Amino acid sequence: LTLYYRDKDGLLIPVTRNVLKQEGLAKAAVSGLVNEPVT
């Protein structure tokens, strides 16, 4: 699944990650963009 993160220059970088299959995957993808300590 591809998520879009920021780099040091303020560019959005697409990064494909391995995500465990789960219900609500689209919702989980956006949750992965939130600024939390573990992320």
PDB file of all heavy atoms in Angstrom:
ATOM      1  N   LEU A   1       0.842  -1.189   0.000  1.00  0.00           N
ATOM      2  CA  LEU A   1       0.000   0.000   0.000  1.00  0.00           C
ATOM      3  C   LEU A   1       0.881   1.244   0.000  1.00  0.00           C
ATOM      4  O   LEU A   1       1.850   1.326   0.757  1.00  0.00           O
ATOM      5  CB  LEU A   1      -0.897  -0.018   1.239  1.00  0.00           C
ATOM      6  CG  LEU A   1      -1.841   1.150   1.458  1.00  0.00           C
ATOM      7  CD1 LEU A   1      -2.843   1.218   0.310  1.00  0.00           C
ATOM      8  CD2 LEU A   1      -2.568   0.993   2.780  1.00  0.00           C
ATOM      9  N   THR A   2       0.556   2.226  -0.838  1.00  0.00           N
ATOM     10  CA  THR A   2       1.387   3.415  -0.990  1.00  0.00           C
ATOM     11  C   THR A   2       0.836   4.581  -0.187  1.00  0.00           C
ATOM     12  O   THR A   2      -0.331   4.956  -0.339  1.00  0.00           O
ATOM     13  CB  THR A   2       1.505   3.809  -2.468  1.00  0.00           C
ATOM     14  OG1 THR A   2       2.032   2.689  -3.208  1.00  0.00           O
ATOM     15  CG2 THR A   2       2.426   4.995  -2.653  1.00  0.00           C
ATOM     16  N   LEU A   3       1.702   5.142   0.671  1.00  0.00           N
ATOM     17  CA  LEU A   3       1.384   6.321   1.470  1.00  0.00           C
ATOM     18  C   LEU A   3       2.309   7.457   1.063  1.00  0.00           C
ATOM     19  O   LEU A   3       3.429   7.221   0.607  1.00  0.00           O
ATOM     20  CB  LEU A   3       1.543   6.037   2.967  1.00  0.00           C
ATOM     21  CG  LEU A   3       0.455   5.198   3.653  1.00  0.00           C
ATOM     22  CD1 LEU A   3       0.533   3.739   3.245  1.00  0.00           C
ATOM     23  CD2 LEU A   3       0.581   5.315   5.175  1.00  0.00           C
ATOM     24  N   TYR A   4       1.858   8.690   1.275  1.00  0.00           N
ATOM     25  CA  TYR A   4       2.629   9.863   0.873  1.00  0.00           C
ATOM     26  C   TYR A   4       3.118  10.616   2.105  1.00  0.00           C
ATOM     27  O   TYR A   4       2.335  11.197   2.850  1.00  0.00           O
ATOM     28  CB  TYR A   4       1.781  10.772  -0.021  1.00  0.00           C
ATOM     29  CG  TYR A   4       1.620  10.223  -1.421  1.00  0.00           C
ATOM     30  CD1 TYR A   4       0.775   9.138  -1.666  1.00  0.00           C
ATOM     31  CD2 TYR A   4       2.325  10.758  -2.496  1.00  0.00           C
ATOM     32  CE1 TYR A   4       0.650   8.613  -2.949  1.00  0.00           C
ATOM     33  CE2 TYR A   4       2.199  10.251  -3.774  1.00  0.00           C
ATOM     34  CZ  TYR A   4       1.357   9.175  -3.994  1.00  0.00           C
ATOM     35  OH  TYR A   4       1.228   8.648  -5.264  1.00  0.00           O
ATOM     36  N   TYR A   5       4.455  10.602   2.307  1.00  0.00           N
ATOM     37  CA  TYR A   5       5.087  11.259   3.439  1.00  0.00           C
ATOM     38  C   TYR A   5       5.868  12.480   2.963  1.00  0.00           C
ATOM     39  O   TYR A   5       6.163  12.637   1.781  1.00  0.00           O
ATOM     40  CB  TYR A   5       6.056  10.304   4.140  1.00  0.00           C
ATOM     41  CG  TYR A   5       5.428   9.065   4.718  1.00  0.00           C
ATOM     42  CD1 TYR A   5       5.731   7.805   4.214  1.00  0.00           C
ATOM     43  CD2 TYR A   5       4.532   9.148   5.782  1.00  0.00           C
ATOM     44  CE1 TYR A   5       5.168   6.662   4.761  1.00  0.00           C
ATOM     45  CE2 TYR A   5       3.969   8.014   6.334  1.00  0.00           C
ATOM     46  CZ  TYR A   5       4.290   6.761   5.811  1.00  0.00           C
ATOM     47  OH  TYR A   5       3.734   5.631   6.353  1.00  0.00           O
ATOM     48  N   ARG A   6       6.258  13.316   3.918  1.00  0.00           N
ATOM     49  CA  ARG A   6       7.029  14.529   3.628  1.00  0.00           C
ATOM     50  C   ARG A   6       8.515  14.278   3.846  1.00  0.00           C
ATOM     51  O   ARG A   6       8.906  13.539   4.743  1.00  0.00           O
ATOM     52  CB  ARG A   6       6.542  15.653   4.545  1.00  0.00           C
ATOM     53  CG  ARG A   6       7.270  16.975   4.372  1.00  0.00           C
ATOM     54  CD  ARG A   6       6.700  18.035   5.312  1.00  0.00           C
ATOM     55  NE  ARG A   6       6.924  17.683   6.703  1.00  0.00           N
ATOM     56  CZ  ARG A   6       8.029  17.961   7.386  1.00  0.00           C
ATOM     57  NH1 ARG A   6       9.049  18.569   6.777  1.00  0.00           N
ATOM     58  NH2 ARG A   6       8.143  17.624   8.649  1.00  0.00           N
ATOM     59  N   ASP A   7       9.356  14.921   3.011  1.00  0.00           N
ATOM     60  CA  ASP A   7      10.796  14.844   3.265  1.00  0.00           C
ATOM     61  C   ASP A   7      11.288  16.170   3.845  1.00  0.00           C
ATOM     62  O   ASP A   7      10.494  17.084   4.124  1.00  0.00           O
ATOM     63  CB  ASP A   7      11.561  14.450   1.994  1.00  0.00           C
ATOM     64  CG  ASP A   7      11.683  15.588   0.987  1.00  0.00           C
ATOM     65  OD1 ASP A   7      11.068  16.662   1.197  1.00  0.00           O
ATOM     66  OD2 ASP A   7      12.381  15.415  -0.021  1.00  0.00           O
ATOM     67  N   LYS A   8      12.601  16.303   4.026  1.00  0.00           N
ATOM     68  CA  LYS A   8      13.173  17.485   4.670  1.00  0.00           C
ATOM     69  C   LYS A   8      12.945  18.758   3.869  1.00  0.00           C
ATOM     70  O   LYS A   8      12.969  19.872   4.421  1.00  0.00           O
ATOM     71  CB  LYS A   8      14.677  17.267   4.879  1.00  0.00           C
ATOM     72  CG  LYS A   8      15.491  17.191   3.602  1.00  0.00           C
ATOM     73  CD  LYS A   8      16.957  16.909   3.877  1.00  0.00           C
ATOM     74  CE  LYS A   8      17.818  16.997   2.609  1.00  0.00           C
ATOM     75  NZ  LYS A   8      17.325  16.115   1.537  1.00  0.00           N
ATOM     76  N   ASP A   9      12.750  18.639   2.564  1.00  0.00           N
ATOM     77  CA  ASP A   9      12.546  19.799   1.702  1.00  0.00           C
ATOM     78  C   ASP A   9      11.083  20.125   1.468  1.00  0.00           C
ATOM     79  O   ASP A   9      10.760  21.012   0.669  1.00  0.00           O
ATOM     80  CB  ASP A   9      13.233  19.567   0.351  1.00  0.00           C
ATOM     81  CG  ASP A   9      14.749  19.484   0.473  1.00  0.00           C
ATOM     82  OD1 ASP A   9      15.314  20.260   1.271  1.00  0.00           O
ATOM     83  OD2 ASP A   9      15.352  18.631  -0.201  1.00  0.00           O
ATOM     84  N   GLY A  10      10.198  19.404   2.145  1.00  0.00           N
ATOM     85  CA  GLY A  10       8.774  19.659   1.971  1.00  0.00           C
ATOM     86  C   GLY A  10       8.183  19.023   0.731  1.00  0.00           C
ATOM     87  O   GLY A  10       7.097  19.422   0.278  1.00  0.00           O
ATOM     88  N   LEU A  11       8.874  18.025   0.161  1.00  0.00           N
ATOM     89  CA  LEU A  11       8.324  17.273  -0.959  1.00  0.00           C
ATOM     90  C   LEU A  11       7.535  16.082  -0.435  1.00  0.00           C
ATOM     91  O   LEU A  11       7.914  15.469   0.566  1.00  0.00           O
ATOM     92  CB  LEU A  11       9.438  16.769  -1.872  1.00  0.00           C
ATOM     93  CG  LEU A  11      10.258  17.817  -2.624  1.00  0.00           C
ATOM     94  CD1 LEU A  11      11.415  17.154  -3.354  1.00  0.00           C
ATOM     95  CD2 LEU A  11       9.388  18.601  -3.601  1.00  0.00           C
ATOM     96  N   LEU A  12       6.449  15.752  -1.094  1.00  0.00           N
ATOM     97  CA  LEU A  12       5.700  14.549  -0.755  1.00  0.00           C
ATOM     98  C   LEU A  12       6.279  13.369  -1.524  1.00  0.00           C
ATOM     99  O   LEU A  12       6.371  13.390  -2.752  1.00  0.00           O
ATOM    100  CB  LEU A  12       4.217  14.719  -1.089  1.00  0.00           C
ATOM    101  CG  LEU A  12       3.415  15.603  -0.131  1.00  0.00           C
ATOM    102  CD1 LEU A  12       1.988  15.754  -0.621  1.00  0.00           C
ATOM    103  CD2 LEU A  12       3.433  15.046   1.290  1.00  0.00           C
ATOM    104  N   ILE A  13       6.658  12.333  -0.787  1.00  0.00           N
ATOM    105  CA  ILE A  13       7.308  11.158  -1.357  1.00  0.00           C
ATOM    106  C   ILE A  13       6.383   9.950  -1.224  1.00  0.00           C
ATOM    107  O   ILE A  13       5.989   9.595  -0.116  1.00  0.00           O
ATOM    108  CB  ILE A  13       8.637  10.853  -0.629  1.00  0.00           C
ATOM    109  CG1 ILE A  13       9.526  12.100  -0.545  1.00  0.00           C
ATOM    110  CG2 ILE A  13       9.352   9.693  -1.301  1.00  0.00           C
ATOM    111  CD1 ILE A  13      10.015  12.607  -1.860  1.00  0.00           C
ATOM    112  N   PRO A  14       6.021   9.300  -2.330  1.00  0.00           N
ATOM    113  CA  PRO A  14       5.225   8.075  -2.225  1.00  0.00           C
ATOM    114  C   PRO A  14       6.098   6.916  -1.754  1.00  0.00           C
ATOM    115  O   PRO A  14       7.192   6.698  -2.287  1.00  0.00           O
ATOM    116  CB  PRO A  14       4.729   7.843  -3.659  1.00  0.00           C
ATOM    117  CG  PRO A  14       5.756   8.503  -4.521  1.00  0.00           C
ATOM    118  CD  PRO A  14       6.313   9.658  -3.733  1.00  0.00           C
ATOM    119  N   VAL A  15       5.636   6.203  -0.760  1.00  0.00           N
ATOM    120  CA  VAL A  15       6.381   5.063  -0.216  1.00  0.00           C
ATOM    121  C   VAL A  15       5.433   3.880  -0.095  1.00  0.00           C
ATOM    122  O   VAL A  15       4.413   3.965   0.595  1.00  0.00           O
ATOM    123  CB  VAL A  15       6.994   5.383   1.161  1.00  0.00           C
ATOM    124  CG1 VAL A  15       7.703   4.159   1.723  1.00  0.00           C
ATOM    125  CG2 VAL A  15       7.962   6.558   1.059  1.00  0.00           C
ATOM    126  N   THR A  16       5.747   2.789  -0.765  1.00  0.00           N
ATOM    127  CA  THR A  16       4.924   1.585  -0.674  1.00  0.00           C
ATOM    128  C   THR A  16       5.371   0.762   0.526  1.00  0.00           C
ATOM    129  O   THR A  16       6.548   0.440   0.658  1.00  0.00           O
ATOM    130  CB  THR A  16       5.021   0.746  -1.958  1.00  0.00           C
ATOM    131  OG1 THR A  16       4.558   1.533  -3.061  1.00  0.00           O
ATOM    132  CG2 THR A  16       4.147  -0.503  -1.850  1.00  0.00           C
ATOM    133  N   ARG A  17       4.410   0.412   1.386  1.00  0.00           N
ATOM    134  CA  ARG A  17       4.703  -0.314   2.612  1.00  0.00           C
ATOM    135  C   ARG A  17       3.914  -1.617   2.663  1.00  0.00           C
ATOM    136  O   ARG A  17       2.870  -1.759   2.022  1.00  0.00           O
ATOM    137  CB  ARG A  17       4.361   0.537   3.831  1.00  0.00           C
ATOM    138  CG  ARG A  17       5.056   1.897   3.844  1.00  0.00           C
ATOM    139  CD  ARG A  17       4.988   2.549   5.186  1.00  0.00           C
ATOM    140  NE  ARG A  17       5.610   1.716   6.212  1.00  0.00           N
ATOM    141  CZ  ARG A  17       5.663   2.061   7.492  1.00  0.00           C
ATOM    142  NH1 ARG A  17       5.133   3.194   7.901  1.00  0.00           N
ATOM    143  NH2 ARG A  17       6.240   1.257   8.374  1.00  0.00           N
ATOM    144  N   ASN A  18       4.443  -2.557   3.424  1.00  0.00           N
ATOM    145  CA  ASN A  18       3.711  -3.791   3.687  1.00  0.00           C
ATOM    146  C   ASN A  18       2.720  -3.532   4.813  1.00  0.00           C
ATOM    147  O   ASN A  18       3.100  -3.085   5.892  1.00  0.00           O
ATOM    148  CB  ASN A  18       4.665  -4.903   4.121  1.00  0.00           C
ATOM    149  CG  ASN A  18       5.483  -5.436   2.961  1.00  0.00           C
ATOM    150  OD1 ASN A  18       5.058  -5.365   1.821  1.00  0.00           O
ATOM    151  ND2 ASN A  18       6.647  -5.962   3.252  1.00  0.00           N
ATOM    152  N   VAL A  19       1.460  -3.812   4.572  1.00  0.00           N
ATOM    153  CA  VAL A  19       0.419  -3.586   5.562  1.00  0.00           C
ATOM    154  C   VAL A  19      -0.339  -4.893   5.764  1.00  0.00           C
ATOM    155  O   VAL A  19      -0.734  -5.551   4.796  1.00  0.00           O
ATOM    156  CB  VAL A  19      -0.555  -2.481   5.088  1.00  0.00           C
ATOM    157  CG1 VAL A  19      -1.633  -2.229   6.132  1.00  0.00           C
ATOM    158  CG2 VAL A  19       0.201  -1.203   4.787  1.00  0.00           C
ATOM    159  N   LEU A  20      -0.522  -5.285   7.007  1.00  0.00           N
ATOM    160  CA  LEU A  20      -1.288  -6.483   7.287  1.00  0.00           C
ATOM    161  C   LEU A  20      -2.713  -6.324   6.791  1.00  0.00           C
ATOM    162  O   LEU A  20      -3.330  -5.269   6.943  1.00  0.00           O
ATOM    163  CB  LEU A  20      -1.288  -6.770   8.798  1.00  0.00           C
ATOM    164  CG  LEU A  20       0.071  -7.105   9.418  1.00  0.00           C
ATOM    165  CD1 LEU A  20      -0.074  -7.300  10.918  1.00  0.00           C
ATOM    166  CD2 LEU A  20       0.671  -8.336   8.774  1.00  0.00           C
ATOM    167  N   LYS A  21      -3.249  -7.349   6.155  1.00  0.00           N
ATOM    168  CA  LYS A  21      -4.625  -7.303   5.680  1.00  0.00           C
ATOM    169  C   LYS A  21      -5.565  -7.073   6.854  1.00  0.00           C
ATOM    170  O   LYS A  21      -5.422  -7.694   7.904  1.00  0.00           O
ATOM    171  CB  LYS A  21      -4.979  -8.602   4.952  1.00  0.00           C
ATOM    172  CG  LYS A  21      -4.255  -8.761   3.623  1.00  0.00           C
ATOM    173  CD  LYS A  21      -4.655 -10.051   2.926  1.00  0.00           C
ATOM    174  CE  LYS A  21      -3.935 -10.192   1.593  1.00  0.00           C
ATOM    175  NZ  LYS A  21      -4.291 -11.454   0.905  1.00  0.00           N
ATOM    176  N   GLN A  22      -6.522  -6.190   6.651  1.00  0.00           N
ATOM    177  CA  GLN A  22      -7.437  -5.818   7.718  1.00  0.00           C
ATOM    178  C   GLN A  22      -8.654  -5.151   7.122  1.00  0.00           C
ATOM    179  O   GLN A  22      -8.619  -4.645   6.001  1.00  0.00           O
ATOM    180  CB  GLN A  22      -6.743  -4.862   8.696  1.00  0.00           C
ATOM    181  CG  GLN A  22      -6.202  -3.629   8.018  1.00  0.00           C
ATOM    182  CD  GLN A  22      -5.265  -2.826   8.881  1.00  0.00           C
ATOM    183  OE1 GLN A  22      -5.711  -2.043   9.714  1.00  0.00           O
ATOM    184  NE2 GLN A  22      -3.954  -3.035   8.696  1.00  0.00           N
ATOM    185  N   GLU A  23      -9.731  -5.118   7.881  1.00  0.00           N
ATOM    186  CA  GLU A  23     -10.904  -4.365   7.459  1.00  0.00           C
ATOM    187  C   GLU A  23     -10.590  -2.877   7.595  1.00  0.00           C
ATOM    188  O   GLU A  23      -9.807  -2.456   8.438  1.00  0.00           O
ATOM    189  CB  GLU A  23     -12.114  -4.729   8.329  1.00  0.00           C
ATOM    190  CG  GLU A  23     -12.642  -6.135   8.098  1.00  0.00           C
ATOM    191  CD  GLU A  23     -13.107  -6.351   6.664  1.00  0.00           C
ATOM    192  OE1 GLU A  23     -13.784  -5.455   6.130  1.00  0.00           O
ATOM    193  OE2 GLU A  23     -12.776  -7.396   6.083  1.00  0.00           O
ATOM    194  N   GLY A  24     -11.208  -2.068   6.758  1.00  0.00           N
ATOM    195  CA  GLY A  24     -10.989  -0.639   6.831  1.00  0.00           C
ATOM    196  C   GLY A  24      -9.594  -0.229   6.414  1.00  0.00           C
ATOM    197  O   GLY A  24      -8.973   0.636   7.028  1.00  0.00           O
ATOM    198  N   LEU A  25      -9.083  -0.813   5.342  1.00  0.00           N
ATOM    199  CA  LEU A  25      -7.707  -0.573   4.935  1.00  0.00           C
ATOM    200  C   LEU A  25      -7.490   0.862   4.454  1.00  0.00           C
ATOM    201  O   LEU A  25      -6.441   1.463   4.721  1.00  0.00           O
ATOM    202  CB  LEU A  25      -7.312  -1.558   3.840  1.00  0.00           C
ATOM    203  CG  LEU A  25      -5.834  -1.616   3.482  1.00  0.00           C
ATOM    204  CD1 LEU A  25      -4.985  -1.919   4.702  1.00  0.00           C
ATOM    205  CD2 LEU A  25      -5.590  -2.656   2.405  1.00  0.00           C
ATOM    206  N   ALA A  26      -8.447   1.428   3.756  1.00  0.00           N
ATOM    207  CA  ALA A  26      -8.307   2.810   3.306  1.00  0.00           C
ATOM    208  C   ALA A  26      -8.219   3.753   4.505  1.00  0.00           C
ATOM    209  O   ALA A  26      -7.425   4.699   4.520  1.00  0.00           O
ATOM    210  CB  ALA A  26      -9.483   3.193   2.410  1.00  0.00           C
ATOM    211  N   LYS A  27      -9.013   3.491   5.501  1.00  0.00           N
ATOM    212  CA  LYS A  27      -8.978   4.283   6.727  1.00  0.00           C
ATOM    213  C   LYS A  27      -7.645   4.111   7.443  1.00  0.00           C
ATOM    214  O   LYS A  27      -7.034   5.078   7.921  1.00  0.00           O
ATOM    215  CB  LYS A  27     -10.128   3.861   7.634  1.00  0.00           C
ATOM    216  CG  LYS A  27     -10.223   4.595   8.956  1.00  0.00           C
ATOM    217  CD  LYS A  27     -11.417   4.099   9.749  1.00  0.00           C
ATOM    218  CE  LYS A  27     -11.467   4.739  11.129  1.00  0.00           C
ATOM    219  NZ  LYS A  27     -12.601   4.206  11.928  1.00  0.00           N
ATOM    220  N   ALA A  28      -7.142   2.886   7.499  1.00  0.00           N
ATOM    221  CA  ALA A  28      -5.855   2.619   8.139  1.00  0.00           C
ATOM    222  C   ALA A  28      -4.720   3.319   7.408  1.00  0.00           C
ATOM    223  O   ALA A  28      -3.760   3.796   8.029  1.00  0.00           O
ATOM    224  CB  ALA A  28      -5.600   1.115   8.192  1.00  0.00           C
ATOM    225  N   ALA A  29      -4.826   3.396   6.072  1.00  0.00           N
ATOM    226  CA  ALA A  29      -3.772   4.056   5.294  1.00  0.00           C
ATOM    227  C   ALA A  29      -3.655   5.523   5.684  1.00  0.00           C
ATOM    228  O   ALA A  29      -2.548   6.032   5.912  1.00  0.00           O
ATOM    229  CB  ALA A  29      -4.076   3.924   3.804  1.00  0.00           C
ATOM    230  N   VAL A  30      -4.779   6.215   5.773  1.00  0.00           N
ATOM    231  CA  VAL A  30      -4.742   7.634   6.139  1.00  0.00           C
ATOM    232  C   VAL A  30      -4.290   7.798   7.588  1.00  0.00           C
ATOM    233  O   VAL A  30      -3.561   8.737   7.924  1.00  0.00           O
ATOM    234  CB  VAL A  30      -6.116   8.288   5.908  1.00  0.00           C
ATOM    235  CG1 VAL A  30      -6.100   9.750   6.351  1.00  0.00           C
ATOM    236  CG2 VAL A  30      -6.508   8.197   4.443  1.00  0.00           C
ATOM    237  N   SER A  31      -4.676   6.885   8.457  1.00  0.00           N
ATOM    238  CA  SER A  31      -4.220   6.942   9.847  1.00  0.00           C
ATOM    239  C   SER A  31      -2.699   6.863   9.929  1.00  0.00           C
ATOM    240  O   SER A  31      -2.078   7.420  10.833  1.00  0.00           O
ATOM    241  CB  SER A  31      -4.843   5.804  10.660  1.00  0.00           C
ATOM    242  OG  SER A  31      -6.247   5.940  10.743  1.00  0.00           O
ATOM    243  N   GLY A  32      -2.093   6.167   8.975  1.00  0.00           N
ATOM    244  CA  GLY A  32      -0.644   6.042   8.940  1.00  0.00           C
ATOM    245  C   GLY A  32       0.075   7.322   8.578  1.00  0.00           C
ATOM    246  O   GLY A  32       1.309   7.386   8.635  1.00  0.00           O
ATOM    247  N   LEU A  33      -0.668   8.362   8.215  1.00  0.00           N
ATOM    248  CA  LEU A  33      -0.077   9.660   7.880  1.00  0.00           C
ATOM    249  C   LEU A  33      -0.011  10.595   9.082  1.00  0.00           C
ATOM    250  O   LEU A  33       0.577  11.675   8.996  1.00  0.00           O
ATOM    251  CB  LEU A  33      -0.900  10.339   6.773  1.00  0.00           C
ATOM    252  CG  LEU A  33      -1.111   9.552   5.478  1.00  0.00           C
ATOM    253  CD1 LEU A  33      -2.066  10.310   4.558  1.00  0.00           C
ATOM    254  CD2 LEU A  33       0.212   9.282   4.780  1.00  0.00           C
ATOM    255  N   VAL A  34      -0.601  10.188  10.214  1.00  0.00           N
ATOM    256  CA  VAL A  34      -0.713  11.055  11.384  1.00  0.00           C
ATOM    257  C   VAL A  34       0.617  11.123  12.137  1.00  0.00           C
ATOM    258  O   VAL A  34       1.325  10.121  12.293  1.00  0.00           O
ATOM    259  CB  VAL A  34      -1.840  10.564  12.318  1.00  0.00           C
ATOM    260  CG1 VAL A  34      -1.907  11.421  13.579  1.00  0.00           C
ATOM    261  CG2 VAL A  34      -3.173  10.583  11.580  1.00  0.00           C
ATOM    262  N   ASN A  35       0.941  12.303  12.609  1.00  0.00           N
ATOM    263  CA  ASN A  35       2.187  12.548  13.338  1.00  0.00           C
ATOM    264  C   ASN A  35       2.085  11.987  14.756  1.00  0.00           C
ATOM    265  O   ASN A  35       1.705  12.686  15.696  1.00  0.00           O
ATOM    266  CB  ASN A  35       2.474  14.050  13.379  1.00  0.00           C
ATOM    267  CG  ASN A  35       3.788  14.376  14.060  1.00  0.00           C
ATOM    268  OD1 ASN A  35       4.602  13.489  14.325  1.00  0.00           O
ATOM    269  ND2 ASN A  35       4.004  15.645  14.341  1.00  0.00           N
ATOM    270  N   GLU A  36       2.437  10.729  14.904  1.00  0.00           N
ATOM    271  CA  GLU A  36       2.473  10.063  16.203  1.00  0.00           C
ATOM    272  C   GLU A  36       3.892   9.565  16.464  1.00  0.00           C
ATOM    273  O   GLU A  36       4.652   9.310  15.522  1.00  0.00           O
ATOM    274  CB  GLU A  36       1.480   8.901  16.241  1.00  0.00           C
ATOM    275  CG  GLU A  36       0.029   9.293  16.023  1.00  0.00           C
ATOM    276  CD  GLU A  36      -0.544  10.156  17.142  1.00  0.00           C
ATOM    277  OE1 GLU A  36       0.150  10.356  18.164  1.00  0.00           O
ATOM    278  OE2 GLU A  36      -1.682  10.643  16.992  1.00  0.00           O
ATOM    279  N   PRO A  37       4.275   9.412  17.746  1.00  0.00           N
ATOM    280  CA  PRO A  37       5.668   9.031  18.061  1.00  0.00           C
ATOM    281  C   PRO A  37       6.147   7.781  17.346  1.00  0.00           C
ATOM    282  O   PRO A  37       7.269   7.743  16.829  1.00  0.00           O
ATOM    283  CB  PRO A  37       5.623   8.833  19.582  1.00  0.00           C
ATOM    284  CG  PRO A  37       4.535   9.744  20.048  1.00  0.00           C
ATOM    285  CD  PRO A  37       3.500   9.711  18.963  1.00  0.00           C
ATOM    286  N   VAL A  38       5.317   6.739  17.301  1.00  0.00           N
ATOM    287  CA  VAL A  38       5.778   5.494  16.681  1.00  0.00           C
ATOM    288  C   VAL A  38       5.971   5.662  15.183  1.00  0.00           C
ATOM    289  O   VAL A  38       6.899   5.094  14.589  1.00  0.00           O
ATOM    290  CB  VAL A  38       4.788   4.347  16.982  1.00  0.00           C
ATOM    291  CG1 VAL A  38       3.453   4.568  16.297  1.00  0.00           C
ATOM    292  CG2 VAL A  38       5.384   3.008  16.572  1.00  0.00           C
ATOM    293  N   THR A  39       5.125   6.480  14.543  1.00  0.00           N
ATOM    294  CA  THR A  39       5.273   6.721  13.107  1.00  0.00           C
ATOM    295  C   THR A  39       6.523   7.544  12.832  1.00  0.00           C
ATOM    296  O   THR A  39       7.268   7.265  11.884  1.00  0.00           O
ATOM    297  CB  THR A  39       4.030   7.441  12.555  1.00  0.00           C
ATOM    298  OG1 THR A  39       2.852   6.702  12.916  1.00  0.00           O
ATOM    299  CG2 THR A  39       4.097   7.543  11.034  1.00  0.00           C
TER     300      THR A  39
END
